[in-house]
C-alpha atoms as a PDB file:
ATOM      1  CA  MET A   1      17.118 -12.475  -9.729  1.00  0.00           C
ATOM      2  CA  ASP A   2      13.279 -11.955  -9.951  1.00  0.00           C
ATOM      3  CA  ASN A   3      13.087  -9.033 -12.590  1.00  0.00           C
ATOM      4  CA  LYS A   4      10.233  -7.613 -14.478  1.00  0.00           C
ATOM      5  CA  SER A   5      10.982  -6.446 -18.205  1.00  0.00           C
ATOM      6  CA  LEU A   6       9.895  -3.689 -20.738  1.00  0.00           C
ATOM      7  CA  SER A   7      10.608  -3.710 -24.162  1.00  0.00           C
ATOM      8  CA  TYR A   8      14.356  -2.678 -23.610  1.00  0.00           C
ATOM      9  CA  THR A   9      14.912  -2.979 -19.889  1.00  0.00           C
ATOM     10  CA  ARG A  10      14.647  -4.911 -16.993  1.00  0.00           C
ATOM     11  CA  TRP A  11      13.540  -3.514 -13.606  1.00  0.00           C
ATOM     12  CA  LYS A  12      13.058  -4.396  -9.965  1.00  0.00           C
ATOM     13  CA  CYS A  13      11.527  -1.273  -7.760  1.00  0.00           C
ATOM     14  CA  GLN A  14      10.542  -2.609  -4.701  1.00  0.00           C
ATOM     15  CA  TYR A  15       9.262   0.255  -1.900  1.00  0.00           C
ATOM     16  CA  HIS A  16       8.564  -0.340   1.735  1.00  0.00           C
ATOM     17  CA  ILE A  17       5.647   1.738   2.924  1.00  0.00           C
ATOM     18  CA  VAL A  18       4.217   2.225   6.563  1.00  0.00           C
ATOM     19  CA  PHE A  19       1.000   4.056   7.426  1.00  0.00           C
ATOM     20  CA  ILE A  20       0.767   4.862  11.055  1.00  0.00           C
ATOM     21  CA  PRO A  21      -2.491   6.305  12.667  1.00  0.00           C
ATOM     22  CA  LYS A  22      -1.936   9.599  14.630  1.00  0.00           C
ATOM     23  CA  TYR A  23      -0.728   9.038  17.857  1.00  0.00           C
ATOM     24  CA  ARG A  24      -0.344   5.288  17.058  1.00  0.00           C
ATOM     25  CA  LYS A  25      -3.633   4.681  18.466  1.00  0.00           C
ATOM     26  CA  LYS A  26      -4.330   0.807  18.437  1.00  0.00           C
ATOM     27  CA  THR A  27      -7.603   0.840  16.106  1.00  0.00           C
ATOM     28  CA  LEU A  28      -6.699  -1.770  13.571  1.00  0.00           C
ATOM     29  CA  TYR A  29      -8.360  -4.608  14.841  1.00  0.00           C
ATOM     30  CA  GLY A  30     -11.349  -6.876  13.931  1.00  0.00           C
ATOM     31  CA  LYS A  31     -13.570  -6.053  11.156  1.00  0.00           C
ATOM     32  CA  VAL A  32     -11.556  -2.777  10.741  1.00  0.00           C
ATOM     33  CA  ARG A  33      -8.518  -4.788   9.784  1.00  0.00           C
ATOM     34  CA  GLU A  34     -10.278  -7.021   7.235  1.00  0.00           C
ATOM     35  CA  ASP A  35     -11.534  -3.785   5.541  1.00  0.00           C
ATOM     36  CA  VAL A  36      -8.029  -2.257   5.584  1.00  0.00           C
ATOM     37  CA  LYS A  37      -6.748  -5.352   3.766  1.00  0.00           C
ATOM     38  CA  GLU A  38      -9.541  -5.040   1.068  1.00  0.00           C
ATOM     39  CA  ILE A  39      -9.112  -1.139   0.695  1.00  0.00           C
ATOM     40  CA  LEU A  40      -5.328  -1.621   0.144  1.00  0.00           C
ATOM     41  CA  THR A  41      -5.629  -4.707  -2.325  1.00  0.00           C
ATOM     42  CA  THR A  42      -8.583  -2.693  -4.373  1.00  0.00           C
ATOM     43  CA  LEU A  43      -6.337   0.242  -4.688  1.00  0.00           C
ATOM     44  CA  CYS A  44      -3.103  -1.392  -5.413  1.00  0.00           C
ATOM     45  CA  ARG A  45      -4.847  -3.614  -8.188  1.00  0.00           C
ATOM     46  CA  TYR A  46      -6.585  -0.282  -9.402  1.00  0.00           C
ATOM     47  CA  LYS A  47      -3.008   1.416  -9.629  1.00  0.00           C
ATOM     48  CA  ASN A  48      -1.093  -1.739 -10.986  1.00  0.00           C
ATOM     49  CA  VAL A  49       0.826  -2.199  -8.108  1.00  0.00           C
ATOM     50  CA  GLU A  50       2.128  -5.593  -6.883  1.00  0.00           C
ATOM     51  CA  ILE A  51       1.724  -6.238  -3.132  1.00  0.00           C
ATOM     52  CA  ILE A  52       4.877  -8.331  -2.158  1.00  0.00           C
ATOM     53  CA  ALA A  53       3.916  -8.686   1.584  1.00  0.00           C
ATOM     54  CA  GLY A  54       2.036  -6.929   3.808  1.00  0.00           C
ATOM     55  CA  ALA A  55       1.173  -6.862   7.518  1.00  0.00           C
ATOM     56  CA  VAL A  56      -1.621  -4.932   9.195  1.00  0.00           C
ATOM     57  CA  CYS A  57      -0.624  -4.655  13.263  1.00  0.00           C
ATOM     58  CA  LEU A  58      -2.780  -3.090  15.482  1.00  0.00           C
ATOM     59  CA  ASP A  59      -1.031   0.311  15.511  1.00  0.00           C
ATOM     60  CA  HIS A  60       0.482   0.362  11.744  1.00  0.00           C
ATOM     61  CA  VAL A  61       0.357  -1.097   8.283  1.00  0.00           C
ATOM     62  CA  HIS A  62       3.455  -2.277   6.661  1.00  0.00           C
ATOM     63  CA  LEU A  63       3.513  -2.853   2.880  1.00  0.00           C
ATOM     64  CA  SER A  64       6.133  -4.165   0.459  1.00  0.00           C
ATOM     65  CA  VAL A  65       5.001  -3.318  -2.965  1.00  0.00           C
ATOM     66  CA  ALA A  66       6.792  -3.462  -6.481  1.00  0.00           C
ATOM     67  CA  ILE A  67       5.873  -0.362  -8.742  1.00  0.00           C
ATOM     68  CA  PRO A  68       7.036  -0.618 -12.413  1.00  0.00           C
ATOM     69  CA  PRO A  69       9.612   2.579 -13.439  1.00  0.00           C
ATOM     70  CA  PHE A  70       6.919   4.292 -15.568  1.00  0.00           C
ATOM     71  CA  GLY A  71       4.910   4.327 -12.350  1.00  0.00           C
ATOM     72  CA  ALA A  72       7.888   6.160 -10.080  1.00  0.00           C
ATOM     73  CA  SER A  73       6.905   6.729  -6.458  1.00  0.00           C
ATOM     74  CA  SER A  74       6.361  10.412  -7.183  1.00  0.00           C
ATOM     75  CA  ASN A  75       3.782   9.369  -9.681  1.00  0.00           C
ATOM     76  CA  ASN A  76       2.334   7.127  -6.793  1.00  0.00           C
ATOM     77  CA  ALA A  77       1.920   9.819  -4.317  1.00  0.00           C
ATOM     78  CA  PRO A  78      -2.099   9.871  -5.327  1.00  0.00           C
ATOM     79  CA  LEU A  79      -1.988   6.044  -4.209  1.00  0.00           C
ATOM     80  CA  GLY A  80      -0.838   7.156  -0.954  1.00  0.00           C
ATOM     81  CA  ALA A  81      -3.155   9.730  -0.779  1.00  0.00           C
ATOM     82  CA  LYS A  82      -6.202   7.775  -1.729  1.00  0.00           C
ATOM     83  CA  ILE A  83      -5.005   4.879   1.031  1.00  0.00           C
ATOM     84  CA  ASN A  84      -4.684   7.424   3.893  1.00  0.00           C
ATOM     85  CA  HIS A  85      -8.135   8.887   2.873  1.00  0.00           C
ATOM     86  CA  HIS A  86      -9.727   5.484   3.032  1.00  0.00           C
ATOM     87  CA  LEU A  87      -7.988   4.449   6.158  1.00  0.00           C
ATOM     88  CA  LYS A  88      -9.331   7.845   7.910  1.00  0.00           C
ATOM     89  CA  TRP A  89     -12.739   7.198   6.498  1.00  0.00           C
ATOM     90  CA  TRP A  90     -12.682   3.637   8.181  1.00  0.00           C
ATOM     91  CA  LEU A  91     -11.344   4.553  11.166  1.00  0.00           C
ATOM     92  CA  LEU A  92     -13.466   7.367  11.923  1.00  0.00           C
ATOM     93  CA  THR A  93     -16.883   5.663  10.993  1.00  0.00           C
END
C-alpha cells in the first residue's frame, strides 16, 4: 500500500474531482486543452497537491489528486475556486 507519512501518522487521501463547463459545451480542445493542463499543474504545484491522474475531455476535466491530511478538502476549496476562475477566463477569451 502506497502511503505517505507525517511524523506520527501514515496517510492516503485521494480525491476524484470533475470540472464541467456550463451546459457541458464542448470547448476543451486544441490550444485551450493544453492551457487547461498547464493551469491545473501550476495550481496544484502551488498548493502542494499531487496529481495522480488526469484527463481533459472535450466537455469535462477529470482529476485524481492526493491531498495531505493537513490540507483537508475544505481547506483546498480555494484551489477549486482558483481552477474554476482560470478555466472560465481561458474559455471566455
